[in-house]
PDB file of N, CA and C in Angstrom:
ATOM      1  N   MET A   1     -56.890 -18.426  23.780  1.00  0.00           N
ATOM      2  CA  MET A   1     -56.015 -17.394  23.255  1.00  0.00           C
ATOM      3  C   MET A   1     -54.567 -17.842  23.412  1.00  0.00           C
ATOM      4  N   ASN A   2     -53.785 -17.632  22.406  1.00  0.00           N
ATOM      5  CA  ASN A   2     -52.370 -17.937  22.449  1.00  0.00           C
ATOM      6  C   ASN A   2     -51.605 -16.632  22.721  1.00  0.00           C
ATOM      7  N   ILE A   3     -51.158 -16.467  23.961  1.00  0.00           N
ATOM      8  CA  ILE A   3     -50.492 -15.235  24.370  1.00  0.00           C
ATOM      9  C   ILE A   3     -49.191 -15.024  23.592  1.00  0.00           C
ATOM     10  N   GLU A   4     -48.454 -16.099  23.367  1.00  0.00           N
ATOM     11  CA  GLU A   4     -47.185 -15.971  22.647  1.00  0.00           C
ATOM     12  C   GLU A   4     -47.418 -15.456  21.229  1.00  0.00           C
ATOM     13  N   GLN A   5     -48.450 -15.950  20.575  1.00  0.00           N
ATOM     14  CA  GLN A   5     -48.772 -15.509  19.223  1.00  0.00           C
ATOM     15  C   GLN A   5     -49.178 -14.030  19.226  1.00  0.00           C
ATOM     16  N   LEU A   6     -49.994 -13.649  20.188  1.00  0.00           N
ATOM     17  CA  LEU A   6     -50.415 -12.257  20.305  1.00  0.00           C
ATOM     18  C   LEU A   6     -49.211 -11.351  20.572  1.00  0.00           C
ATOM     19  N   ASN A   7     -48.360 -11.747  21.520  1.00  0.00           N
ATOM     20  CA  ASN A   7     -47.188 -10.940  21.842  1.00  0.00           C
ATOM     21  C   ASN A   7     -46.271 -10.790  20.633  1.00  0.00           C
ATOM     22  N   ALA A   8     -46.092 -11.866  19.877  1.00  0.00           N
ATOM     23  CA  ALA A   8     -45.243 -11.813  18.684  1.00  0.00           C
ATOM     24  C   ALA A   8     -45.814 -10.840  17.659  1.00  0.00           C
ATOM     25  N   ALA A   9     -47.120 -10.864  17.469  1.00  0.00           N
ATOM     26  CA  ALA A   9     -47.762  -9.961  16.517  1.00  0.00           C
ATOM     27  C   ALA A   9     -47.650  -8.508  16.969  1.00  0.00           C
ATOM     28  N   ILE A  10     -47.824  -8.275  18.261  1.00  0.00           N
ATOM     29  CA  ILE A  10     -47.697  -6.915  18.799  1.00  0.00           C
ATOM     30  C   ILE A  10     -46.256  -6.430  18.650  1.00  0.00           C
ATOM     31  N   ALA A  11     -45.294  -7.283  18.993  1.00  0.00           N
ATOM     32  CA  ALA A  11     -43.879  -6.911  18.888  1.00  0.00           C
ATOM     33  C   ALA A  11     -43.507  -6.579  17.450  1.00  0.00           C
ATOM     34  N   GLU A  12     -44.022  -7.357  16.517  1.00  0.00           N
ATOM     35  CA  GLU A  12     -43.733  -7.098  15.102  1.00  0.00           C
ATOM     36  C   GLU A  12     -44.347  -5.778  14.648  1.00  0.00           C
ATOM     37  N   GLU A  13     -45.608  -5.555  15.009  1.00  0.00           N
ATOM     38  CA  GLU A  13     -46.305  -4.328  14.593  1.00  0.00           C
ATOM     39  C   GLU A  13     -45.626  -3.076  15.150  1.00  0.00           C
ATOM     40  N   PHE A  14     -45.186  -3.149  16.416  1.00  0.00           N
ATOM     41  CA  PHE A  14     -44.631  -1.969  17.075  1.00  0.00           C
ATOM     42  C   PHE A  14     -43.103  -1.947  17.069  1.00  0.00           C
ATOM     43  N   GLU A  15     -42.512  -2.938  16.393  1.00  0.00           N
ATOM     44  CA  GLU A  15     -41.060  -3.017  16.239  1.00  0.00           C
ATOM     45  C   GLU A  15     -40.331  -2.916  17.576  1.00  0.00           C
ATOM     46  N   ILE A  16     -40.759  -3.785  18.508  1.00  0.00           N
ATOM     47  CA  ILE A  16     -40.108  -3.865  19.814  1.00  0.00           C
ATOM     48  C   ILE A  16     -39.700  -5.313  20.059  1.00  0.00           C
ATOM     49  N   ASP A  17     -38.880  -5.513  21.067  1.00  0.00           N
ATOM     50  CA  ASP A  17     -38.460  -6.859  21.467  1.00  0.00           C
ATOM     51  C   ASP A  17     -39.628  -7.531  22.178  1.00  0.00           C
ATOM     52  N   VAL A  18     -39.956  -8.734  21.765  1.00  0.00           N
ATOM     53  CA  VAL A  18     -41.077  -9.454  22.377  1.00  0.00           C
ATOM     54  C   VAL A  18     -40.861  -9.645  23.876  1.00  0.00           C
ATOM     55  N   ASN A  19     -39.608  -9.661  24.316  1.00  0.00           N
ATOM     56  CA  ASN A  19     -39.318  -9.826  25.747  1.00  0.00           C
ATOM     57  C   ASN A  19     -39.703  -8.595  26.566  1.00  0.00           C
ATOM     58  N   ASP A  20     -39.954  -7.475  25.909  1.00  0.00           N
ATOM     59  CA  ASP A  20     -40.415  -6.271  26.608  1.00  0.00           C
ATOM     60  C   ASP A  20     -41.887  -6.381  26.998  1.00  0.00           C
ATOM     61  N   ILE A  21     -42.585  -7.335  26.403  1.00  0.00           N
ATOM     62  CA  ILE A  21     -44.008  -7.516  26.677  1.00  0.00           C
ATOM     63  C   ILE A  21     -44.154  -8.528  27.803  1.00  0.00           C
ATOM     64  N   THR A  22     -44.360  -8.012  29.004  1.00  0.00           N
ATOM     65  CA  THR A  22     -44.546  -8.855  30.186  1.00  0.00           C
ATOM     66  C   THR A  22     -45.905  -8.527  30.797  1.00  0.00           C
ATOM     67  N   PRO A  23     -46.455  -9.439  31.585  1.00  0.00           N
ATOM     68  CA  PRO A  23     -47.787  -9.188  32.155  1.00  0.00           C
ATOM     69  C   PRO A  23     -47.900  -7.882  32.936  1.00  0.00           C
ATOM     70  N   ASP A  24     -46.846  -7.499  33.659  1.00  0.00           N
ATOM     71  CA  ASP A  24     -46.912  -6.295  34.489  1.00  0.00           C
ATOM     72  C   ASP A  24     -46.493  -5.028  33.764  1.00  0.00           C
ATOM     73  N   ALA A  25     -46.021  -5.154  32.521  1.00  0.00           N
ATOM     74  CA  ALA A  25     -45.563  -3.981  31.768  1.00  0.00           C
ATOM     75  C   ALA A  25     -46.740  -3.106  31.367  1.00  0.00           C
ATOM     76  N   SER A  26     -46.496  -1.817  31.359  1.00  0.00           N
ATOM     77  CA  SER A  26     -47.499  -0.848  30.923  1.00  0.00           C
ATOM     78  C   SER A  26     -47.660  -0.946  29.405  1.00  0.00           C
ATOM     79  N   VAL A  27     -48.884  -1.125  28.961  1.00  0.00           N
ATOM     80  CA  VAL A  27     -49.159  -1.194  27.521  1.00  0.00           C
ATOM     81  C   VAL A  27     -48.780   0.132  26.870  1.00  0.00           C
ATOM     82  N   LYS A  28     -49.207   1.224  27.458  1.00  0.00           N
ATOM     83  CA  LYS A  28     -48.975   2.550  26.876  1.00  0.00           C
ATOM     84  C   LYS A  28     -47.488   2.864  26.789  1.00  0.00           C
ATOM     85  N   ASP A  29     -46.747   2.616  27.862  1.00  0.00           N
ATOM     86  CA  ASP A  29     -45.324   2.944  27.880  1.00  0.00           C
ATOM     87  C   ASP A  29     -44.511   2.001  27.002  1.00  0.00           C
ATOM     88  N   THR A  30     -44.802   0.715  27.064  1.00  0.00           N
ATOM     89  CA  THR A  30     -44.049  -0.276  26.299  1.00  0.00           C
ATOM     90  C   THR A  30     -44.201  -0.048  24.804  1.00  0.00           C
ATOM     91  N   LEU A  31     -45.420   0.264  24.373  1.00  0.00           N
ATOM     92  CA  LEU A  31     -45.690   0.430  22.951  1.00  0.00           C
ATOM     93  C   LEU A  31     -45.609   1.885  22.504  1.00  0.00           C
ATOM     94  N   GLU A  32     -45.346   2.789  23.456  1.00  0.00           N
ATOM     95  CA  GLU A  32     -45.312   4.226  23.173  1.00  0.00           C
ATOM     96  C   GLU A  32     -46.565   4.652  22.401  1.00  0.00           C
ATOM     97  N   LEU A  33     -47.719   4.303  22.968  1.00  0.00           N
ATOM     98  CA  LEU A  33     -48.997   4.522  22.298  1.00  0.00           C
ATOM     99  C   LEU A  33     -49.396   5.982  22.231  1.00  0.00           C
ATOM    100  N   ASP A  34     -49.883   6.354  21.063  1.00  0.00           N
ATOM    101  CA  ASP A  34     -50.605   7.599  20.889  1.00  0.00           C
ATOM    102  C   ASP A  34     -51.952   7.210  20.287  1.00  0.00           C
ATOM    103  N   SER A  35     -52.762   8.165  19.932  1.00  0.00           N
ATOM    104  CA  SER A  35     -54.111   7.828  19.463  1.00  0.00           C
ATOM    105  C   SER A  35     -54.100   6.987  18.191  1.00  0.00           C
ATOM    106  N   LEU A  36     -53.152   7.227  17.294  1.00  0.00           N
ATOM    107  CA  LEU A  36     -53.100   6.448  16.056  1.00  0.00           C
ATOM    108  C   LEU A  36     -52.570   5.041  16.287  1.00  0.00           C
ATOM    109  N   SER A  37     -51.523   4.918  17.104  1.00  0.00           N
ATOM    110  CA  SER A  37     -50.970   3.589  17.344  1.00  0.00           C
ATOM    111  C   SER A  37     -51.911   2.739  18.199  1.00  0.00           C
ATOM    112  N   LEU A  38     -52.779   3.390  18.944  1.00  0.00           N
ATOM    113  CA  LEU A  38     -53.795   2.658  19.695  1.00  0.00           C
ATOM    114  C   LEU A  38     -54.706   1.901  18.736  1.00  0.00           C
ATOM    115  N   LEU A  39     -55.028   2.524  17.627  1.00  0.00           N
ATOM    116  CA  LEU A  39     -55.847   1.851  16.614  1.00  0.00           C
ATOM    117  C   LEU A  39     -55.115   0.647  16.028  1.00  0.00           C
ATOM    118  N   ASP A  40     -53.792   0.770  15.884  1.00  0.00           N
ATOM    119  CA  ASP A  40     -52.993  -0.361  15.404  1.00  0.00           C
ATOM    120  C   ASP A  40     -53.056  -1.524  16.392  1.00  0.00           C
ATOM    121  N   LEU A  41     -52.970  -1.204  17.690  1.00  0.00           N
ATOM    122  CA  LEU A  41     -53.050  -2.251  18.715  1.00  0.00           C
ATOM    123  C   LEU A  41     -54.404  -2.945  18.661  1.00  0.00           C
ATOM    124  N   ILE A  42     -55.472  -2.170  18.569  1.00  0.00           N
ATOM    125  CA  ILE A  42     -56.821  -2.743  18.501  1.00  0.00           C
ATOM    126  C   ILE A  42     -56.942  -3.650  17.281  1.00  0.00           C
ATOM    127  N   SER A  43     -56.358  -3.246  16.174  1.00  0.00           N
ATOM    128  CA  SER A  43     -56.387  -4.041  14.949  1.00  0.00           C
ATOM    129  C   SER A  43     -55.622  -5.348  15.107  1.00  0.00           C
ATOM    130  N   VAL A  44     -54.434  -5.294  15.701  1.00  0.00           N
ATOM    131  CA  VAL A  44     -53.631  -6.504  15.910  1.00  0.00           C
ATOM    132  C   VAL A  44     -54.372  -7.473  16.831  1.00  0.00           C
ATOM    133  N   VAL A  45     -54.934  -6.961  17.910  1.00  0.00           N
ATOM    134  CA  VAL A  45     -55.676  -7.815  18.840  1.00  0.00           C
ATOM    135  C   VAL A  45     -56.833  -8.495  18.114  1.00  0.00           C
ATOM    136  N   HIS A  46     -57.553  -7.746  17.311  1.00  0.00           N
ATOM    137  CA  HIS A  46     -58.681  -8.318  16.578  1.00  0.00           C
ATOM    138  C   HIS A  46     -58.213  -9.367  15.570  1.00  0.00           C
ATOM    139  N   ASP A  47     -57.146  -9.059  14.842  1.00  0.00           N
ATOM    140  CA  ASP A  47     -56.648  -9.991  13.827  1.00  0.00           C
ATOM    141  C   ASP A  47     -56.189 -11.316  14.437  1.00  0.00           C
ATOM    142  N   VAL A  48     -55.543 -11.248  15.586  1.00  0.00           N
ATOM    143  CA  VAL A  48     -54.978 -12.453  16.203  1.00  0.00           C
ATOM    144  C   VAL A  48     -56.009 -13.219  17.020  1.00  0.00           C
ATOM    145  N   THR A  49     -56.882 -12.490  17.727  1.00  0.00           N
ATOM    146  CA  THR A  49     -57.785 -13.153  18.669  1.00  0.00           C
ATOM    147  C   THR A  49     -59.247 -13.147  18.244  1.00  0.00           C
ATOM    148  N   GLY A  50     -59.615 -12.247  17.343  1.00  0.00           N
ATOM    149  CA  GLY A  50     -61.017 -12.099  16.971  1.00  0.00           C
ATOM    150  C   GLY A  50     -61.791 -11.215  17.931  1.00  0.00           C
ATOM    151  N   CYS A  51     -61.129 -10.740  18.975  1.00  0.00           N
ATOM    152  CA  CYS A  51     -61.771  -9.884  19.974  1.00  0.00           C
ATOM    153  C   CYS A  51     -61.718  -8.436  19.511  1.00  0.00           C
ATOM    154  N   THR A  52     -62.850  -7.754  19.580  1.00  0.00           N
ATOM    155  CA  THR A  52     -62.898  -6.338  19.255  1.00  0.00           C
ATOM    156  C   THR A  52     -62.826  -5.536  20.540  1.00  0.00           C
ATOM    157  N   VAL A  53     -61.729  -4.813  20.722  1.00  0.00           N
ATOM    158  CA  VAL A  53     -61.557  -3.981  21.903  1.00  0.00           C
ATOM    159  C   VAL A  53     -62.306  -2.680  21.665  1.00  0.00           C
ATOM    160  N   LYS A  54     -63.223  -2.373  22.557  1.00  0.00           N
ATOM    161  CA  LYS A  54     -64.006  -1.147  22.434  1.00  0.00           C
ATOM    162  C   LYS A  54     -63.176   0.043  22.905  1.00  0.00           C
ATOM    163  N   GLY A  55     -63.287   1.130  22.192  1.00  0.00           N
ATOM    164  CA  GLY A  55     -62.546   2.334  22.534  1.00  0.00           C
ATOM    165  C   GLY A  55     -62.789   2.802  23.955  1.00  0.00           C
ATOM    166  N   THR A  56     -64.012   2.631  24.434  1.00  0.00           N
ATOM    167  CA  THR A  56     -64.325   3.060  25.796  1.00  0.00           C
ATOM    168  C   THR A  56     -63.669   2.158  26.835  1.00  0.00           C
ATOM    169  N   ASP A  57     -63.362   0.922  26.461  1.00  0.00           N
ATOM    170  CA  ASP A  57     -62.747  -0.018  27.397  1.00  0.00           C
ATOM    171  C   ASP A  57     -61.229   0.119  27.448  1.00  0.00           C
ATOM    172  N   VAL A  58     -60.647   0.589  26.369  1.00  0.00           N
ATOM    173  CA  VAL A  58     -59.188   0.592  26.269  1.00  0.00           C
ATOM    174  C   VAL A  58     -58.535   1.490  27.323  1.00  0.00           C
ATOM    175  N   SER A  59     -59.213   2.517  27.763  1.00  0.00           N
ATOM    176  CA  SER A  59     -58.640   3.405  28.775  1.00  0.00           C
ATOM    177  C   SER A  59     -58.493   2.712  30.128  1.00  0.00           C
ATOM    178  N   HIS A  60     -59.180   1.599  30.316  1.00  0.00           N
ATOM    179  CA  HIS A  60     -59.106   0.855  31.576  1.00  0.00           C
ATOM    180  C   HIS A  60     -58.054  -0.243  31.527  1.00  0.00           C
ATOM    181  N   ILE A  61     -57.397  -0.411  30.408  1.00  0.00           N
ATOM    182  CA  ILE A  61     -56.385  -1.453  30.242  1.00  0.00           C
ATOM    183  C   ILE A  61     -55.015  -0.799  30.400  1.00  0.00           C
ATOM    184  N   ALA A  62     -54.373  -1.053  31.540  1.00  0.00           N
ATOM    185  CA  ALA A  62     -53.081  -0.423  31.817  1.00  0.00           C
ATOM    186  C   ALA A  62     -51.909  -1.368  31.544  1.00  0.00           C
ATOM    187  N   THR A  63     -52.075  -2.642  31.874  1.00  0.00           N
ATOM    188  CA  THR A  63     -50.983  -3.606  31.732  1.00  0.00           C
ATOM    189  C   THR A  63     -51.351  -4.681  30.723  1.00  0.00           C
ATOM    190  N   PHE A  64     -50.345  -5.426  30.303  1.00  0.00           N
ATOM    191  CA  PHE A  64     -50.622  -6.516  29.379  1.00  0.00           C
ATOM    192  C   PHE A  64     -51.465  -7.598  30.052  1.00  0.00           C
ATOM    193  N   ALA A  65     -51.300  -7.807  31.359  1.00  0.00           N
ATOM    194  CA  ALA A  65     -52.140  -8.774  32.076  1.00  0.00           C
ATOM    195  C   ALA A  65     -53.609  -8.372  31.977  1.00  0.00           C
ATOM    196  N   GLN A  66     -53.894  -7.082  32.093  1.00  0.00           N
ATOM    197  CA  GLN A  66     -55.273  -6.603  31.962  1.00  0.00           C
ATOM    198  C   GLN A  66     -55.767  -6.776  30.531  1.00  0.00           C
ATOM    199  N   LEU A  67     -54.886  -6.584  29.557  1.00  0.00           N
ATOM    200  CA  LEU A  67     -55.267  -6.806  28.162  1.00  0.00           C
ATOM    201  C   LEU A  67     -55.624  -8.271  27.944  1.00  0.00           C
ATOM    202  N   TYR A  68     -54.798  -9.176  28.460  1.00  0.00           N
ATOM    203  CA  TYR A  68     -55.070 -10.608  28.304  1.00  0.00           C
ATOM    204  C   TYR A  68     -56.397 -10.985  28.960  1.00  0.00           C
ATOM    205  N   GLU A  69     -56.650 -10.427  30.152  1.00  0.00           N
ATOM    206  CA  GLU A  69     -57.907 -10.706  30.861  1.00  0.00           C
ATOM    207  C   GLU A  69     -59.097 -10.204  30.056  1.00  0.00           C
ATOM    208  N   TYR A  70     -58.975  -9.021  29.489  1.00  0.00           N
ATOM    209  CA  TYR A  70     -60.044  -8.455  28.652  1.00  0.00           C
ATOM    210  C   TYR A  70     -60.338  -9.368  27.485  1.00  0.00           C
ATOM    211  N   ILE A  71     -59.291  -9.851  26.830  1.00  0.00           N
ATOM    212  CA  ILE A  71     -59.452 -10.725  25.680  1.00  0.00           C
ATOM    213  C   ILE A  71     -60.105 -12.047  26.079  1.00  0.00           C
ATOM    214  N   GLU A  72     -59.709 -12.574  27.216  1.00  0.00           N
ATOM    215  CA  GLU A  72     -60.316 -13.820  27.716  1.00  0.00           C
ATOM    216  C   GLU A  72     -61.815 -13.639  27.939  1.00  0.00           C
ATOM    217  N   GLN A  73     -62.222 -12.500  28.458  1.00  0.00           N
ATOM    218  CA  GLN A  73     -63.638 -12.234  28.700  1.00  0.00           C
ATOM    219  C   GLN A  73     -64.388 -12.007  27.398  1.00  0.00           C
ATOM    220  N   CYS A  74     -63.685 -11.564  26.381  1.00  0.00           N
ATOM    221  CA  CYS A  74     -64.277 -11.292  25.087  1.00  0.00           C
ATOM    222  C   CYS A  74     -64.674 -12.604  24.365  1.00  0.00           C
ATOM    223  N   SER A  75     -63.914 -13.644  24.626  1.00  0.00           N
ATOM    224  CA  SER A  75     -64.139 -14.924  23.936  1.00  0.00           C
ATOM    225  C   SER A  75     -65.406 -15.604  24.355  1.00  0.00           C
TER     226      SER A  75
END
């Protein structure tokens, strides 16, 4: 997985500075996620990595480090 590529895609989709995406940052707070934007995140992750994030798993992903770990396990 290319973390820089994923971060760039997420930053573009959510119109935020890529530097705001750090391993310890809260995914929900950084991206200001609601139920609809959560679907956008799942779509971006799938498009960039091929990993399908399950809705039941997403509630356990609090930080970007946890997201990266989830994606690594998905591969």
